[in-house]
Amino acid sequence: MTIRSRLLLWYVSISLLALGLIGGGLYFELVVERAQDSARFGQADSVPQEILDILLFYTLPAIGLMVFGGWWLTRQALGPLAKLTETAERISVHNLSETLPLPGSQDELDRLTEVFNQMLGRLNESVAQIRDFTLNASHELKTPLTVLQGEFETALRDEACAPAQREFLASQLDEIQRLIKIAEGLTLLAKADAGQIVLAQESVRLHELVQDCFADAQMLARPRRIAVELSRCDEVVLHGDRHRLRQLLLNLVDNAIKYNVSEGRVTMALARNDEAAALTISNTGPGIAPQELGRVFDRFYRGTAARSSGSEGCGLGLSVAEWIAKAHGGILHLASEPGRSTTVTVILPHSAPPPLERVNPGRR
């Protein structure tokens, strides 16, 4: 039976019940009770009094029955839709294997649920194919790129190489290294999407990593005369993957230096409270427009300021940094004032070791 037919049948039944209640009341008041009063007292109640009795004892309850019946019909009809909506809201690109519950009412809702589940199955298969292609392609690219890198490095070490040729080789080597970095980022994110990354769970002295990163940042910033400052560095020990946390720090520091003004400033700070550690990295760069802040963590996305700066980049650094933060039970937040500064804040819990065995990168 269709939803329309079922609702029509229910409402007609409730309406007939209400009309029957009113009709029965009219018959009782105007026929039965009037006849009884005439036989008992020789006279019957006045017509206005009988109408008032009908309104009070029959019509109002009938109206209440129809209102309650309408509410009940709406609840019965929309209840399965509410459950489907709650389940659909939980489904994202990372759990497409989850299916919507079948109401079992043998109507349009059942058919709609089956169609949605079939669509989710096709989406899951398509996403898996894209993930496998990305993983395989990035993996296959790394080998020839590594070979090319070795050959160019060997050629640069040749003392017979002319200065012009040496400059050309160095430029090509930079591009190859950039391609290798892109392939490594794609491999990491594709494996993370598939839940294939097993992170180490060890005690990490985060303040030491920050200090090492601060030293690296000073060397990276020196050619552009950018001042790097470590304003605070509390002692923080947490459980996690030391290599990935270092990668997180280097990605953020590299961005802070790369997208900065000449003779600008980068400020780093690590603060600790009872439950978490907060790492902030800010720069005096061109900033990010408000309408672009929501997309900065999207893969391959580069904002207007990043594209116009002429700095090299592929738009994967922040995506990788966000995944590493979330994999350690933390969050990564970015705030910016266009034309003045950009600040990235990483909140990492240190009270208990997070589950790091297999993780999928979630979205905002």
Protein backbone atom coordinates (compact mmCIF):
# COMPACT_ATOMS: atom_id res chain seq x y z
CA MET A 1 0.00 0.00 0.00
CA THR A 2 1.31 3.46 -0.88
CA ILE A 3 1.84 6.23 1.69
CA ARG A 4 -0.92 8.30 0.11
CA SER A 5 -3.41 5.43 0.29
CA ARG A 6 -2.49 4.59 3.88
CA LEU A 7 -2.80 8.21 5.06
CA LEU A 8 -6.12 8.58 3.24
CA LEU A 9 -7.47 5.39 4.79
CA TRP A 10 -6.35 6.40 8.28
CA TYR A 11 -7.77 9.90 8.06
CA VAL A 12 -11.09 8.75 6.57
CA SER A 13 -11.40 6.26 9.42
CA ILE A 14 -10.72 8.94 12.04
CA SER A 15 -13.12 11.37 10.33
CA LEU A 16 -15.88 8.74 10.19
CA LEU A 17 -15.31 7.98 13.87
CA ALA A 18 -15.59 11.68 14.73
CA LEU A 19 -18.71 12.10 12.57
CA GLY A 20 -20.19 9.00 14.16
CA LEU A 21 -19.57 10.49 17.59
CA ILE A 22 -21.33 13.72 16.60
CA GLY A 23 -24.18 11.87 14.88
CA GLY A 24 -24.66 9.59 17.84
CA GLY A 25 -24.74 12.60 20.13
CA LEU A 26 -27.32 14.35 18.00
CA TYR A 27 -29.48 11.25 17.93
CA PHE A 28 -29.22 10.74 21.66
CA GLU A 29 -29.92 14.36 22.59
CA LEU A 30 -32.64 15.13 20.07
CA VAL A 31 -34.42 11.79 19.90
CA VAL A 32 -33.71 9.41 22.76
CA GLU A 33 -33.26 11.88 25.65
CA ARG A 34 -36.04 14.13 24.41
CA ALA A 35 -38.45 11.18 24.28
CA GLN A 36 -37.39 10.09 27.78
CA ASP A 37 -37.92 13.57 29.19
CA SER A 38 -41.32 13.83 27.56
CA ALA A 39 -42.41 10.46 28.99
CA ARG A 40 -41.04 11.21 32.45
CA PHE A 41 -41.85 14.89 32.98
CA GLY A 42 -44.30 15.64 30.21
CA GLN A 43 -41.88 18.13 28.66
CA ALA A 44 -38.43 18.11 27.15
CA ASP A 45 -35.44 20.41 27.53
CA SER A 46 -35.36 23.49 25.34
CA VAL A 47 -33.63 23.27 21.97
CA PRO A 48 -30.85 25.76 22.94
CA GLN A 49 -30.02 23.66 25.99
CA GLU A 50 -29.85 20.52 23.86
CA ILE A 51 -27.56 22.24 21.33
CA LEU A 52 -25.29 23.35 24.17
CA ASP A 53 -25.15 19.79 25.48
CA ILE A 54 -24.25 18.53 22.03
CA LEU A 55 -21.45 21.09 21.67
CA LEU A 56 -20.01 20.35 25.10
CA PHE A 57 -20.26 16.58 25.21
CA TYR A 58 -19.94 15.49 21.58
CA THR A 59 -18.68 18.16 19.16
CA LEU A 60 -15.68 19.29 21.23
CA PRO A 61 -14.51 15.71 21.88
CA ALA A 62 -14.94 14.97 18.18
CA ILE A 63 -12.80 17.98 17.24
CA GLY A 64 -10.18 16.86 19.78
CA LEU A 65 -10.22 13.39 18.27
CA MET A 66 -9.66 14.78 14.78
CA VAL A 67 -6.78 17.01 15.97
CA PHE A 68 -5.15 14.15 17.85
CA GLY A 69 -5.72 11.86 14.86
CA GLY A 70 -4.04 14.35 12.52
CA TRP A 71 -1.04 14.62 14.86
CA TRP A 72 -0.83 10.84 15.14
CA LEU A 73 -1.03 10.44 11.35
CA THR A 74 1.77 12.97 10.86
CA ARG A 75 3.95 11.24 13.43
CA GLN A 76 3.36 7.82 11.91
CA ALA A 77 4.09 9.11 8.42
CA LEU A 78 7.22 11.14 9.28
CA GLY A 79 8.71 8.83 11.91
CA PRO A 80 10.52 6.58 9.40
CA LEU A 81 11.73 9.68 7.53
CA ALA A 82 13.26 11.07 10.72
CA LYS A 83 15.18 7.82 11.30
CA LEU A 84 16.39 7.80 7.70
CA THR A 85 17.51 11.42 8.04
CA GLU A 86 19.47 10.72 11.25
CA THR A 87 21.29 7.83 9.59
CA ALA A 88 21.96 9.78 6.38
CA GLU A 89 23.51 12.64 8.39
CA ARG A 90 26.10 10.23 9.84
CA ILE A 91 27.20 8.99 6.42
CA SER A 92 30.25 10.65 4.89
CA VAL A 93 32.88 9.75 2.33
CA HIS A 94 34.69 7.75 5.02
CA ASN A 95 31.78 5.41 5.92
CA LEU A 96 29.91 4.88 2.67
CA SER A 97 29.58 1.21 3.53
CA GLU A 98 26.92 2.08 6.11
CA THR A 99 23.37 1.56 4.84
CA LEU A 100 20.07 3.21 5.65
CA PRO A 101 17.64 1.14 7.76
CA LEU A 102 14.75 -0.37 5.80
CA PRO A 103 11.41 0.74 7.36
CA GLY A 104 9.69 -2.48 6.26
CA SER A 105 6.42 -0.70 5.45
CA GLN A 106 6.32 -2.04 1.87
CA ASP A 107 5.63 1.42 0.42
CA GLU A 108 7.48 4.29 -1.27
CA LEU A 109 9.78 4.68 1.75
CA ASP A 110 11.04 1.13 1.35
CA ARG A 111 11.66 1.73 -2.34
CA LEU A 112 13.39 5.07 -1.64
CA THR A 113 15.61 3.46 1.00
CA GLU A 114 16.59 0.65 -1.36
CA VAL A 115 17.47 3.20 -4.08
CA PHE A 116 19.59 5.24 -1.62
CA ASN A 117 21.41 2.13 -0.42
CA GLN A 118 22.14 1.11 -4.00
CA MET A 119 23.43 4.63 -4.69
CA LEU A 120 25.67 4.48 -1.58
CA GLY A 121 27.05 1.17 -2.81
CA ARG A 122 27.91 2.68 -6.19
CA LEU A 123 29.48 5.73 -4.52
CA ASN A 124 31.52 3.51 -2.21
CA GLU A 125 32.78 1.51 -5.17
CA SER A 126 33.65 4.67 -7.12
CA VAL A 127 35.50 6.23 -4.18
CA ALA A 128 37.40 3.01 -3.63
CA GLN A 129 38.42 2.94 -7.31
CA ILE A 130 39.60 6.57 -7.15
CA ARG A 131 41.51 5.84 -3.95
CA ASP A 132 43.17 2.77 -5.46
CA PHE A 133 44.05 4.67 -8.63
CA THR A 134 45.58 7.54 -6.64
CA LEU A 135 47.55 5.16 -4.47
CA ASN A 136 48.82 3.07 -7.37
CA ALA A 137 49.61 6.07 -9.58
CA SER A 138 51.53 7.91 -6.86
CA HIS A 139 53.40 4.74 -5.98
CA GLU A 140 54.35 4.05 -9.60
CA LEU A 141 55.49 7.66 -10.08
CA LYS A 142 57.91 7.56 -7.17
CA THR A 143 60.29 5.04 -8.73
CA PRO A 144 61.03 6.86 -12.03
CA LEU A 145 61.15 10.20 -10.20
CA THR A 146 63.67 8.82 -7.72
CA VAL A 147 65.77 7.49 -10.60
CA LEU A 148 65.66 10.88 -12.32
CA GLN A 149 66.62 12.61 -9.11
CA GLY A 150 69.66 10.38 -8.73
CA GLU A 151 70.73 10.95 -12.34
CA PHE A 152 70.44 14.72 -12.07
CA GLU A 153 72.33 14.75 -8.78
CA THR A 154 75.09 12.68 -10.39
CA ALA A 155 75.24 15.08 -13.34
CA LEU A 156 75.52 18.06 -11.00
CA ARG A 157 78.51 16.50 -9.31
CA ASP A 158 80.35 16.32 -12.65
CA GLU A 159 83.11 18.95 -12.53
CA ALA A 160 83.12 19.20 -16.33
CA CYS A 161 79.56 20.51 -16.29
CA ALA A 162 79.31 24.08 -17.64
CA PRO A 163 77.75 26.77 -15.41
CA ALA A 164 74.75 27.23 -17.69
CA GLN A 165 74.15 23.50 -17.85
CA ARG A 166 74.60 23.23 -14.09
CA GLU A 167 71.94 25.90 -13.56
CA PHE A 168 69.58 24.06 -15.90
CA LEU A 169 70.14 20.75 -14.10
CA ALA A 170 69.58 22.38 -10.71
CA SER A 171 66.29 23.85 -11.92
CA GLN A 172 65.13 20.49 -13.24
CA LEU A 173 66.19 18.79 -10.01
CA ASP A 174 64.04 21.22 -8.03
CA GLU A 175 61.02 20.33 -10.17
CA ILE A 176 61.68 16.61 -9.76
CA GLN A 177 61.91 17.00 -5.99
CA ARG A 178 58.63 18.90 -6.06
CA LEU A 179 56.99 16.07 -8.00
CA ILE A 180 58.38 13.55 -5.50
CA LYS A 181 56.88 15.57 -2.66
CA ILE A 182 53.49 15.61 -4.41
CA ALA A 183 53.64 11.84 -4.98
CA GLU A 184 54.54 11.24 -1.33
CA GLY A 185 51.67 13.44 -0.16
CA LEU A 186 49.20 11.65 -2.43
CA THR A 187 50.43 8.27 -1.24
CA LEU A 188 50.07 9.28 2.39
CA LEU A 189 46.54 10.67 2.01
CA ALA A 190 45.36 7.75 -0.15
CA LYS A 191 46.62 5.25 2.41
CA ALA A 192 45.06 7.28 5.21
CA ASP A 193 41.70 7.28 3.40
CA ALA A 194 41.91 3.51 3.08
CA GLY A 195 42.89 3.10 6.74
CA GLN A 196 46.19 1.49 5.77
CA ILE A 197 48.50 3.63 7.89
CA VAL A 198 49.68 2.24 11.21
CA LEU A 199 51.06 5.03 13.37
CA ALA A 200 53.61 4.43 16.06
CA GLN A 201 52.51 4.91 19.64
CA GLU A 202 55.43 6.12 21.65
CA SER A 203 56.26 8.76 24.20
CA VAL A 204 57.14 11.96 22.32
CA ARG A 205 58.73 15.03 23.88
CA LEU A 206 56.88 17.56 21.80
CA HIS A 207 58.85 20.55 23.14
CA GLU A 208 62.05 19.03 21.78
CA LEU A 209 60.45 18.61 18.37
CA VAL A 210 59.35 22.24 18.48
CA GLN A 211 62.85 23.39 19.37
CA ASP A 212 64.35 21.34 16.52
CA CYS A 213 61.73 22.74 14.15
CA PHE A 214 62.53 26.25 15.39
CA ALA A 215 66.19 25.73 14.46
CA ASP A 216 65.20 24.44 11.00
CA ALA A 217 62.85 27.39 10.53
CA GLN A 218 65.65 29.86 11.23
CA MET A 219 67.75 28.32 8.45
CA LEU A 220 64.82 28.27 6.01
CA ALA A 221 63.93 31.89 6.79
CA ARG A 222 67.48 33.31 6.57
CA PRO A 223 67.56 33.75 2.73
CA ARG A 224 64.40 35.91 2.89
CA ARG A 225 65.53 37.79 6.02
CA ILE A 226 62.49 36.60 7.96
CA ALA A 227 62.80 36.69 11.74
CA VAL A 228 61.68 33.52 13.55
CA GLU A 229 60.82 33.71 17.23
CA LEU A 230 59.99 31.00 19.76
CA SER A 231 58.10 33.00 22.39
CA ARG A 232 57.15 30.08 24.63
CA CYS A 233 57.96 26.39 24.82
CA ASP A 234 56.41 24.50 27.73
CA GLU A 235 57.51 20.97 28.42
CA VAL A 236 55.00 18.61 26.80
CA VAL A 237 55.10 14.82 26.60
CA LEU A 238 52.42 13.01 24.64
CA HIS A 239 51.82 9.67 22.97
CA GLY A 240 52.04 9.53 19.22
CA ASP A 241 54.15 9.05 16.13
CA ARG A 242 57.32 11.14 16.36
CA HIS A 243 57.95 11.10 12.61
CA ARG A 244 54.43 12.25 11.73
CA LEU A 245 54.40 14.97 14.40
CA ARG A 246 57.69 16.31 13.05
CA GLN A 247 56.17 16.27 9.58
CA LEU A 248 53.21 18.26 10.92
CA LEU A 249 55.49 20.91 12.44
CA LEU A 250 57.66 21.21 9.33
CA ASN A 251 54.64 21.57 7.03
CA LEU A 252 53.22 24.40 9.13
CA VAL A 253 56.55 26.19 9.54
CA ASP A 254 57.32 25.85 5.84
CA ASN A 255 53.97 27.45 4.98
CA ALA A 256 54.52 30.25 7.50
CA ILE A 257 57.85 31.11 5.86
CA LYS A 258 56.85 30.47 2.26
CA TYR A 259 53.71 32.64 2.39
CA ASN A 260 55.27 35.60 4.18
CA VAL A 261 56.55 39.01 3.22
CA SER A 262 60.24 39.76 2.85
CA GLU A 263 61.75 40.75 6.20
CA GLY A 264 58.59 39.54 7.90
CA ARG A 265 58.20 37.59 11.11
CA VAL A 266 57.21 34.07 12.19
CA THR A 267 56.23 33.49 15.82
CA MET A 268 56.01 30.03 17.39
CA ALA A 269 54.65 29.13 20.83
CA LEU A 270 53.92 25.88 22.67
CA ALA A 271 51.66 26.17 25.73
CA ARG A 272 50.50 23.38 28.01
CA ASN A 273 47.45 23.06 30.23
CA ASP A 274 46.04 20.18 32.25
CA GLU A 275 44.57 18.26 29.31
CA ALA A 276 46.12 19.47 26.07
CA ALA A 277 48.99 21.31 24.46
CA ALA A 278 48.43 24.23 22.10
CA LEU A 279 50.99 24.98 19.40
CA THR A 280 50.55 28.28 17.56
CA ILE A 281 52.48 29.42 14.51
CA SER A 282 51.76 32.86 13.10
CA ASN A 283 53.30 34.95 10.34
CA THR A 284 53.06 38.42 8.89
CA GLY A 285 52.04 37.26 5.45
CA PRO A 286 49.33 38.54 3.10
CA GLY A 287 46.70 36.53 4.94
CA ILE A 288 43.75 34.55 3.62
CA ALA A 289 40.43 35.98 2.48
CA PRO A 290 37.46 35.02 4.71
CA GLN A 291 35.66 33.28 1.85
CA GLU A 292 38.70 31.04 1.30
CA LEU A 293 39.26 29.95 4.91
CA GLY A 294 36.78 27.09 4.61
CA ARG A 295 38.73 25.53 1.73
CA VAL A 296 42.35 25.82 2.85
CA PHE A 297 42.38 22.20 4.04
CA ASP A 298 41.00 20.86 0.74
CA ARG A 299 43.51 18.89 -1.28
CA PHE A 300 45.27 20.80 -4.06
CA TYR A 301 43.50 24.03 -3.12
CA ARG A 302 45.65 27.15 -3.08
CA GLY A 303 44.20 30.51 -2.14
CA THR A 304 44.50 33.68 -4.16
CA ALA A 305 47.35 35.02 -2.01
CA ALA A 306 49.26 31.72 -2.31
CA ARG A 307 48.93 31.68 -6.10
CA SER A 308 49.88 35.32 -6.51
CA SER A 309 52.90 35.03 -4.21
CA GLY A 310 54.83 32.98 -6.76
CA SER A 311 55.83 30.46 -4.09
CA GLU A 312 55.97 26.84 -5.10
CA GLY A 313 53.36 24.55 -3.63
CA CYS A 314 50.85 21.86 -4.52
CA GLY A 315 48.10 22.41 -1.96
CA LEU A 316 48.68 19.20 0.01
CA GLY A 317 50.66 20.48 3.01
CA LEU A 318 47.70 21.62 5.12
CA SER A 319 45.68 18.51 4.20
CA VAL A 320 48.50 16.30 5.48
CA ALA A 321 48.92 18.47 8.59
CA GLU A 322 45.20 18.29 9.39
CA TRP A 323 45.18 14.51 9.03
CA ILE A 324 48.19 14.12 11.35
CA ALA A 325 46.54 16.33 13.98
CA LYS A 326 43.25 14.43 13.82
CA ALA A 327 45.06 11.09 13.85
CA HIS A 328 46.52 12.10 17.22
CA GLY A 329 43.13 13.07 18.62
CA GLY A 330 43.73 16.78 18.07
CA ILE A 331 42.38 19.60 15.96
CA LEU A 332 43.95 22.15 13.64
CA HIS A 333 42.47 25.64 13.41
CA LEU A 334 43.45 28.48 11.09
CA ALA A 335 42.63 32.18 11.54
CA SER A 336 43.71 35.04 9.32
CA GLU A 337 43.52 38.81 9.01
CA PRO A 338 44.01 39.68 5.32
CA GLY A 339 46.99 41.93 4.84
CA ARG A 340 48.22 41.45 8.41
CA SER A 341 48.75 37.91 9.70
CA THR A 342 47.78 34.25 9.65
CA THR A 343 47.78 32.02 12.71
CA VAL A 344 47.59 28.22 12.79
CA THR A 345 46.74 26.56 16.11
CA VAL A 346 47.20 22.86 16.79
CA ILE A 347 45.53 21.39 19.89
CA LEU A 348 46.93 17.98 20.91
CA PRO A 349 45.76 16.03 23.98
CA HIS A 350 48.46 14.68 26.24
CA SER A 351 46.49 13.25 29.17
CA ALA A 352 46.01 9.80 27.61
CA PRO A 353 47.37 8.01 24.55
CA PRO A 354 44.92 8.22 21.64
CA PRO A 355 44.03 5.15 19.55
CA LEU A 356 46.58 5.31 16.77
CA GLU A 357 46.44 1.85 15.22
CA ARG A 358 44.43 2.63 12.11
CA VAL A 359 42.97 6.02 11.36
CA ASN A 360 40.99 7.68 8.61
CA PRO A 361 41.24 11.41 8.04
CA GLY A 362 37.90 13.02 8.90
CA ARG A 363 36.52 16.37 7.32
CA ARG A 364 35.32 19.41 9.05
